[in-house]
Amino acid sequence: EWRELLVAAGPKAGPKAVFTPFESLGDGRWG
């Protein structure tokens, strides 16, 4: 079921998420 949500978010959503911080956007931005 999580796979289905990931696929709906786009083919690169999963691999990109591996290296994306869970809350920091960088440059002092958060969320």
PDB file of all heavy atoms in Angstrom:
ATOM      1  N   GLU A   1       0.823  -1.204   0.000  1.00  0.00           N
ATOM      2  CA  GLU A   1       0.000   0.000   0.000  1.00  0.00           C
ATOM      3  C   GLU A   1       0.861   1.260   0.000  1.00  0.00           C
ATOM      4  O   GLU A   1       0.514   2.261  -0.645  1.00  0.00           O
ATOM      5  CB  GLU A   1      -0.944  -0.008   1.211  1.00  0.00           C
ATOM      6  CG  GLU A   1      -2.064  -1.012   1.083  1.00  0.00           C
ATOM      7  CD  GLU A   1      -3.132  -0.833   2.139  1.00  0.00           C
ATOM      8  OE1 GLU A   1      -2.766  -0.809   3.330  1.00  0.00           O
ATOM      9  OE2 GLU A   1      -4.314  -0.719   1.785  1.00  0.00           O
ATOM     10  N   TRP A   2       1.971   1.214   0.732  1.00  0.00           N
ATOM     11  CA  TRP A   2       2.881   2.362   0.694  1.00  0.00           C
ATOM     12  C   TRP A   2       3.475   2.512  -0.706  1.00  0.00           C
ATOM     13  O   TRP A   2       3.638   3.625  -1.198  1.00  0.00           O
ATOM     14  CB  TRP A   2       3.985   2.194   1.735  1.00  0.00           C
ATOM     15  CG  TRP A   2       4.771   3.453   1.956  1.00  0.00           C
ATOM     16  CD1 TRP A   2       4.296   4.736   1.919  1.00  0.00           C
ATOM     17  CD2 TRP A   2       6.168   3.554   2.224  1.00  0.00           C
ATOM     18  NE1 TRP A   2       5.314   5.632   2.170  1.00  0.00           N
ATOM     19  CE2 TRP A   2       6.479   4.931   2.362  1.00  0.00           C
ATOM     20  CE3 TRP A   2       7.184   2.625   2.386  1.00  0.00           C
ATOM     21  CZ2 TRP A   2       7.760   5.391   2.630  1.00  0.00           C
ATOM     22  CZ3 TRP A   2       8.470   3.078   2.673  1.00  0.00           C
ATOM     23  CH2 TRP A   2       8.758   4.443   2.785  1.00  0.00           C
ATOM     24  N   ARG A   3       3.767   1.379  -1.363  1.00  0.00           N
ATOM     25  CA  ARG A   3       4.276   1.420  -2.732  1.00  0.00           C
ATOM     26  C   ARG A   3       3.304   2.160  -3.644  1.00  0.00           C
ATOM     27  O   ARG A   3       3.724   2.982  -4.476  1.00  0.00           O
ATOM     28  CB  ARG A   3       4.499  -0.001  -3.244  1.00  0.00           C
ATOM     29  CG  ARG A   3       4.766  -0.065  -4.750  1.00  0.00           C
ATOM     30  CD  ARG A   3       4.618  -1.491  -5.242  1.00  0.00           C
ATOM     31  NE  ARG A   3       5.675  -2.349  -4.752  1.00  0.00           N
ATOM     32  CZ  ARG A   3       5.593  -3.672  -4.681  1.00  0.00           C
ATOM     33  NH1 ARG A   3       4.461  -4.284  -5.016  1.00  0.00           N
ATOM     34  NH2 ARG A   3       6.612  -4.378  -4.249  1.00  0.00           N
ATOM     35  N   GLU A   4       2.022   1.891  -3.500  1.00  0.00           N
ATOM     36  CA  GLU A   4       1.028   2.549  -4.341  1.00  0.00           C
ATOM     37  C   GLU A   4       1.048   4.060  -4.147  1.00  0.00           C
ATOM     38  O   GLU A   4       0.920   4.829  -5.109  1.00  0.00           O
ATOM     39  CB  GLU A   4      -0.359   1.993  -4.047  1.00  0.00           C
ATOM     40  CG  GLU A   4      -0.521   0.526  -4.437  1.00  0.00           C
ATOM     41  CD  GLU A   4      -1.831  -0.060  -3.948  1.00  0.00           C
ATOM     42  OE1 GLU A   4      -2.652   0.716  -3.414  1.00  0.00           O
ATOM     43  OE2 GLU A   4      -2.030  -1.273  -4.089  1.00  0.00           O
ATOM     44  N   LEU A   5       1.227   4.500  -2.906  1.00  0.00           N
ATOM     45  CA  LEU A   5       1.311   5.935  -2.643  1.00  0.00           C
ATOM     46  C   LEU A   5       2.578   6.526  -3.249  1.00  0.00           C
ATOM     47  O   LEU A   5       2.570   7.649  -3.783  1.00  0.00           O
ATOM     48  CB  LEU A   5       1.277   6.199  -1.139  1.00  0.00           C
ATOM     49  CG  LEU A   5      -0.018   5.821  -0.416  1.00  0.00           C
ATOM     50  CD1 LEU A   5       0.166   5.952   1.092  1.00  0.00           C
ATOM     51  CD2 LEU A   5      -1.172   6.692  -0.887  1.00  0.00           C
ATOM     52  N   LEU A   6       3.686   5.785  -3.181  1.00  0.00           N
ATOM     53  CA  LEU A   6       4.945   6.261  -3.739  1.00  0.00           C
ATOM     54  C   LEU A   6       4.865   6.386  -5.255  1.00  0.00           C
ATOM     55  O   LEU A   6       5.335   7.374  -5.839  1.00  0.00           O
ATOM     56  CB  LEU A   6       6.077   5.301  -3.368  1.00  0.00           C
ATOM     57  CG  LEU A   6       6.506   5.263  -1.901  1.00  0.00           C
ATOM     58  CD1 LEU A   6       7.428   4.087  -1.650  1.00  0.00           C
ATOM     59  CD2 LEU A   6       7.185   6.566  -1.511  1.00  0.00           C
ATOM     60  N   VAL A   7       4.263   5.391  -5.891  1.00  0.00           N
ATOM     61  CA  VAL A   7       4.140   5.420  -7.349  1.00  0.00           C
ATOM     62  C   VAL A   7       3.306   6.610  -7.789  1.00  0.00           C
ATOM     63  O   VAL A   7       3.610   7.288  -8.771  1.00  0.00           O
ATOM     64  CB  VAL A   7       3.524   4.102  -7.855  1.00  0.00           C
ATOM     65  CG1 VAL A   7       3.155   4.207  -9.334  1.00  0.00           C
ATOM     66  CG2 VAL A   7       4.486   2.946  -7.632  1.00  0.00           C
ATOM     67  N   ALA A   8       2.236   6.895  -7.010  1.00  0.00           N
ATOM     68  CA  ALA A   8       1.393   8.043  -7.348  1.00  0.00           C
ATOM     69  C   ALA A   8       2.148   9.351  -7.220  1.00  0.00           C
ATOM     70  O   ALA A   8       1.813  10.343  -7.880  1.00  0.00           O
ATOM     71  CB  ALA A   8       0.155   8.062  -6.448  1.00  0.00           C
ATOM     72  N   ALA A   9       3.179   9.384  -6.375  1.00  0.00           N
ATOM     73  CA  ALA A   9       3.963  10.599  -6.177  1.00  0.00           C
ATOM     74  C   ALA A   9       5.009  10.803  -7.257  1.00  0.00           C
ATOM     75  O   ALA A   9       5.667  11.839  -7.288  1.00  0.00           O
ATOM     76  CB  ALA A   9       4.632  10.567  -4.804  1.00  0.00           C
ATOM     77  N   GLY A  10       5.185   9.801  -8.137  1.00  0.00           N
ATOM     78  CA  GLY A  10       6.134   9.939  -9.238  1.00  0.00           C
ATOM     79  C   GLY A  10       7.232   8.907  -9.172  1.00  0.00           C
ATOM     80  O   GLY A  10       7.577   8.421  -8.081  1.00  0.00           O
ATOM     81  N   PRO A  11       7.828   8.541 -10.314  1.00  0.00           N
ATOM     82  CA  PRO A  11       8.829   7.464 -10.354  1.00  0.00           C
ATOM     83  C   PRO A  11      10.114   7.762  -9.593  1.00  0.00           C
ATOM     84  O   PRO A  11      10.831   6.849  -9.207  1.00  0.00           O
ATOM     85  CB  PRO A  11       9.094   7.304 -11.862  1.00  0.00           C
ATOM     86  CG  PRO A  11       8.718   8.629 -12.465  1.00  0.00           C
ATOM     87  CD  PRO A  11       7.567   9.125 -11.641  1.00  0.00           C
ATOM     88  N   LYS A  12      10.430   9.026  -9.394  1.00  0.00           N
ATOM     89  CA  LYS A  12      11.671   9.389  -8.711  1.00  0.00           C
ATOM     90  C   LYS A  12      11.459   9.747  -7.239  1.00  0.00           C
ATOM     91  O   LYS A  12      12.415  10.102  -6.545  1.00  0.00           O
ATOM     92  CB  LYS A  12      12.336  10.562  -9.429  1.00  0.00           C
ATOM     93  CG  LYS A  12      12.759  10.251 -10.861  1.00  0.00           C
ATOM     94  CD  LYS A  12      13.451  11.456 -11.496  1.00  0.00           C
ATOM     95  CE  LYS A  12      13.888  11.136 -12.928  1.00  0.00           C
ATOM     96  NZ  LYS A  12      14.565  12.298 -13.570  1.00  0.00           N
ATOM     97  N   ALA A  13      10.199   9.676  -6.777  1.00  0.00           N
ATOM     98  CA  ALA A  13       9.901  10.110  -5.412  1.00  0.00           C
ATOM     99  C   ALA A  13      10.628   9.270  -4.377  1.00  0.00           C
ATOM    100  O   ALA A  13      11.167   9.796  -3.397  1.00  0.00           O
ATOM    101  CB  ALA A  13       8.391  10.063  -5.170  1.00  0.00           C
ATOM    102  N   GLY A  14      10.659   7.951  -4.563  1.00  0.00           N
ATOM    103  CA  GLY A  14      11.311   7.071  -3.602  1.00  0.00           C
ATOM    104  C   GLY A  14      12.802   7.296  -3.512  1.00  0.00           C
ATOM    105  O   GLY A  14      13.334   7.574  -2.424  1.00  0.00           O
ATOM    106  N   PRO A  15      13.543   7.166  -4.625  1.00  0.00           N
ATOM    107  CA  PRO A  15      14.992   7.395  -4.558  1.00  0.00           C
ATOM    108  C   PRO A  15      15.363   8.783  -4.047  1.00  0.00           C
ATOM    109  O   PRO A  15      16.330   8.930  -3.298  1.00  0.00           O
ATOM    110  CB  PRO A  15      15.424   7.201  -6.013  1.00  0.00           C
ATOM    111  CG  PRO A  15      14.392   6.293  -6.599  1.00  0.00           C
ATOM    112  CD  PRO A  15      13.101   6.686  -5.943  1.00  0.00           C
ATOM    113  N   LYS A  16      14.599   9.796  -4.435  1.00  0.00           N
ATOM    114  CA  LYS A  16      14.887  11.154  -3.973  1.00  0.00           C
ATOM    115  C   LYS A  16      14.726  11.275  -2.471  1.00  0.00           C
ATOM    116  O   LYS A  16      15.497  11.965  -1.788  1.00  0.00           O
ATOM    117  CB  LYS A  16      13.969  12.145  -4.686  1.00  0.00           C
ATOM    118  CG  LYS A  16      14.202  13.601  -4.293  1.00  0.00           C
ATOM    119  CD  LYS A  16      13.235  14.523  -5.030  1.00  0.00           C
ATOM    120  CE  LYS A  16      13.426  15.975  -4.591  1.00  0.00           C
ATOM    121  NZ  LYS A  16      12.467  16.885  -5.285  1.00  0.00           N
ATOM    122  N   ALA A  17      13.719  10.577  -1.927  1.00  0.00           N
ATOM    123  CA  ALA A  17      13.425  10.671  -0.493  1.00  0.00           C
ATOM    124  C   ALA A  17      14.556  10.131   0.362  1.00  0.00           C
ATOM    125  O   ALA A  17      14.745  10.572   1.498  1.00  0.00           O
ATOM    126  CB  ALA A  17      12.133   9.931  -0.171  1.00  0.00           C
ATOM    127  N   VAL A  18      15.315   9.178  -0.157  1.00  0.00           N
ATOM    128  CA  VAL A  18      16.403   8.566   0.615  1.00  0.00           C
ATOM    129  C   VAL A  18      17.401   9.622   1.070  1.00  0.00           C
ATOM    130  O   VAL A  18      17.929   9.564   2.190  1.00  0.00           O
ATOM    131  CB  VAL A  18      17.108   7.476  -0.217  1.00  0.00           C
ATOM    132  CG1 VAL A  18      18.355   6.969   0.505  1.00  0.00           C
ATOM    133  CG2 VAL A  18      16.144   6.322  -0.490  1.00  0.00           C
ATOM    134  N   PHE A  19      17.650  10.623   0.227  1.00  0.00           N
ATOM    135  CA  PHE A  19      18.662  11.633   0.525  1.00  0.00           C
ATOM    136  C   PHE A  19      18.057  12.964   0.964  1.00  0.00           C
ATOM    137  O   PHE A  19      18.798  13.919   1.211  1.00  0.00           O
ATOM    138  CB  PHE A  19      19.540  11.851  -0.709  1.00  0.00           C
ATOM    139  CG  PHE A  19      20.226  10.598  -1.177  1.00  0.00           C
ATOM    140  CD1 PHE A  19      19.726   9.878  -2.257  1.00  0.00           C
ATOM    141  CD2 PHE A  19      21.350  10.124  -0.523  1.00  0.00           C
ATOM    142  CE1 PHE A  19      20.355   8.708  -2.676  1.00  0.00           C
ATOM    143  CE2 PHE A  19      21.980   8.965  -0.940  1.00  0.00           C
ATOM    144  CZ  PHE A  19      21.480   8.244  -2.020  1.00  0.00           C
ATOM    145  N   THR A  20      16.742  13.012   1.105  1.00  0.00           N
ATOM    146  CA  THR A  20      16.072  14.243   1.525  1.00  0.00           C
ATOM    147  C   THR A  20      15.889  14.239   3.038  1.00  0.00           C
ATOM    148  O   THR A  20      15.298  13.309   3.580  1.00  0.00           O
ATOM    149  CB  THR A  20      14.691  14.369   0.854  1.00  0.00           C
ATOM    150  OG1 THR A  20      14.853  14.385  -0.570  1.00  0.00           O
ATOM    151  CG2 THR A  20      13.985  15.650   1.297  1.00  0.00           C
ATOM    152  N   PRO A  21      16.392  15.262   3.755  1.00  0.00           N
ATOM    153  CA  PRO A  21      16.166  15.327   5.206  1.00  0.00           C
ATOM    154  C   PRO A  21      14.683  15.355   5.526  1.00  0.00           C
ATOM    155  O   PRO A  21      13.879  15.893   4.759  1.00  0.00           O
ATOM    156  CB  PRO A  21      16.849  16.640   5.604  1.00  0.00           C
ATOM    157  CG  PRO A  21      17.870  16.887   4.534  1.00  0.00           C
ATOM    158  CD  PRO A  21      17.239  16.374   3.270  1.00  0.00           C
ATOM    159  N   PHE A  22      14.324  14.799   6.661  1.00  0.00           N
ATOM    160  CA  PHE A  22      12.907  14.676   6.986  1.00  0.00           C
ATOM    161  C   PHE A  22      12.253  16.000   7.364  1.00  0.00           C
ATOM    162  O   PHE A  22      11.030  16.096   7.379  1.00  0.00           O
ATOM    163  CB  PHE A  22      12.692  13.651   8.110  1.00  0.00           C
ATOM    164  CG  PHE A  22      13.106  14.129   9.479  1.00  0.00           C
ATOM    165  CD1 PHE A  22      12.179  14.669  10.344  1.00  0.00           C
ATOM    166  CD2 PHE A  22      14.417  14.012   9.908  1.00  0.00           C
ATOM    167  CE1 PHE A  22      12.554  15.104  11.611  1.00  0.00           C
ATOM    168  CE2 PHE A  22      14.804  14.437  11.165  1.00  0.00           C
ATOM    169  CZ  PHE A  22      13.868  14.982  12.019  1.00  0.00           C
ATOM    170  N   GLU A  23      13.063  17.039   7.667  1.00  0.00           N
ATOM    171  CA  GLU A  23      12.433  18.312   8.003  1.00  0.00           C
ATOM    172  C   GLU A  23      13.170  19.536   7.480  1.00  0.00           C
ATOM    173  O   GLU A  23      12.574  20.593   7.308  1.00  0.00           O
ATOM    174  CB  GLU A  23      12.248  18.450   9.515  1.00  0.00           C
ATOM    175  CG  GLU A  23      13.522  18.443  10.332  1.00  0.00           C
ATOM    176  CD  GLU A  23      13.262  18.618  11.817  1.00  0.00           C
ATOM    177  OE1 GLU A  23      12.170  19.053  12.204  1.00  0.00           O
ATOM    178  OE2 GLU A  23      14.174  18.302  12.605  1.00  0.00           O
ATOM    179  N   SER A  24      14.453  19.437   7.204  1.00  0.00           N
ATOM    180  CA  SER A  24      15.227  20.606   6.778  1.00  0.00           C
ATOM    181  C   SER A  24      15.215  20.737   5.264  1.00  0.00           C
ATOM    182  O   SER A  24      15.375  19.756   4.532  1.00  0.00           O
ATOM    183  CB  SER A  24      16.666  20.503   7.271  1.00  0.00           C
ATOM    184  OG  SER A  24      17.462  21.526   6.713  1.00  0.00           O
ATOM    185  N   LEU A  25      15.036  21.969   4.789  1.00  0.00           N
ATOM    186  CA  LEU A  25      15.092  22.252   3.359  1.00  0.00           C
ATOM    187  C   LEU A  25      16.425  22.885   2.958  1.00  0.00           C
ATOM    188  O   LEU A  25      16.660  23.145   1.788  1.00  0.00           O
ATOM    189  CB  LEU A  25      13.948  23.200   2.961  1.00  0.00           C
ATOM    190  CG  LEU A  25      12.532  22.719   3.259  1.00  0.00           C
ATOM    191  CD1 LEU A  25      11.521  23.762   2.805  1.00  0.00           C
ATOM    192  CD2 LEU A  25      12.258  21.388   2.593  1.00  0.00           C
ATOM    193  N   GLY A  26      17.275  23.134   3.944  1.00  0.00           N
ATOM    194  CA  GLY A  26      18.525  23.832   3.680  1.00  0.00           C
ATOM    195  C   GLY A  26      18.307  25.335   3.626  1.00  0.00           C
ATOM    196  O   GLY A  26      17.175  25.821   3.615  1.00  0.00           O
ATOM    197  N   ASP A  27      19.402  26.085   3.592  1.00  0.00           N
ATOM    198  CA  ASP A  27      19.326  27.549   3.542  1.00  0.00           C
ATOM    199  C   ASP A  27      18.493  28.118   4.693  1.00  0.00           C
ATOM    200  O   ASP A  27      17.848  29.158   4.548  1.00  0.00           O
ATOM    201  CB  ASP A  27      18.736  28.035   2.214  1.00  0.00           C
ATOM    202  CG  ASP A  27      19.563  27.582   1.025  1.00  0.00           C
ATOM    203  OD1 ASP A  27      20.798  27.517   1.179  1.00  0.00           O
ATOM    204  OD2 ASP A  27      18.994  27.283  -0.034  1.00  0.00           O
ATOM    205  N   GLY A  28      18.489  27.421   5.832  1.00  0.00           N
ATOM    206  CA  GLY A  28      17.760  27.914   6.986  1.00  0.00           C
ATOM    207  C   GLY A  28      16.263  27.703   6.916  1.00  0.00           C
ATOM    208  O   GLY A  28      15.534  28.191   7.788  1.00  0.00           O
ATOM    209  N   ARG A  29      15.785  26.988   5.920  1.00  0.00           N
ATOM    210  CA  ARG A  29      14.348  26.750   5.778  1.00  0.00           C
ATOM    211  C   ARG A  29      14.005  25.351   6.300  1.00  0.00           C
ATOM    212  O   ARG A  29      14.772  24.416   6.158  1.00  0.00           O
ATOM    213  CB  ARG A  29      13.900  26.893   4.326  1.00  0.00           C
ATOM    214  CG  ARG A  29      14.066  28.321   3.774  1.00  0.00           C
ATOM    215  CD  ARG A  29      13.536  28.407   2.353  1.00  0.00           C
ATOM    216  NE  ARG A  29      14.245  27.493   1.471  1.00  0.00           N
ATOM    217  CZ  ARG A  29      13.643  26.760   0.531  1.00  0.00           C
ATOM    218  NH1 ARG A  29      12.331  26.819   0.386  1.00  0.00           N
ATOM    219  NH2 ARG A  29      14.361  25.953  -0.245  1.00  0.00           N
ATOM    220  N   TRP A  30      12.790  25.244   6.866  1.00  0.00           N
ATOM    221  CA  TRP A  30      12.368  23.996   7.497  1.00  0.00           C
ATOM    222  C   TRP A  30      10.938  23.658   7.096  1.00  0.00           C
ATOM    223  O   TRP A  30      10.156  24.529   6.746  1.00  0.00           O
ATOM    224  CB  TRP A  30      12.452  24.114   9.024  1.00  0.00           C
ATOM    225  CG  TRP A  30      13.837  24.388   9.508  1.00  0.00           C
ATOM    226  CD1 TRP A  30      14.452  25.593   9.587  1.00  0.00           C
ATOM    227  CD2 TRP A  30      14.789  23.421   9.952  1.00  0.00           C
ATOM    228  NE1 TRP A  30      15.730  25.459  10.054  1.00  0.00           N
ATOM    229  CE2 TRP A  30      15.967  24.131  10.298  1.00  0.00           C
ATOM    230  CE3 TRP A  30      14.771  22.044  10.115  1.00  0.00           C
ATOM    231  CZ2 TRP A  30      17.105  23.503  10.775  1.00  0.00           C
ATOM    232  CZ3 TRP A  30      15.904  21.425  10.605  1.00  0.00           C
ATOM    233  CH2 TRP A  30      17.045  22.141  10.931  1.00  0.00           C
ATOM    234  N   GLY A  31      10.596  22.384   7.187  1.00  0.00           N
ATOM    235  CA  GLY A  31       9.235  21.937   6.915  1.00  0.00           C
ATOM    236  C   GLY A  31       9.030  21.566   5.465  1.00  0.00           C
ATOM    237  O   GLY A  31       9.056  22.426   4.580  1.00  0.00           O
TER     238      GLY A  31
END
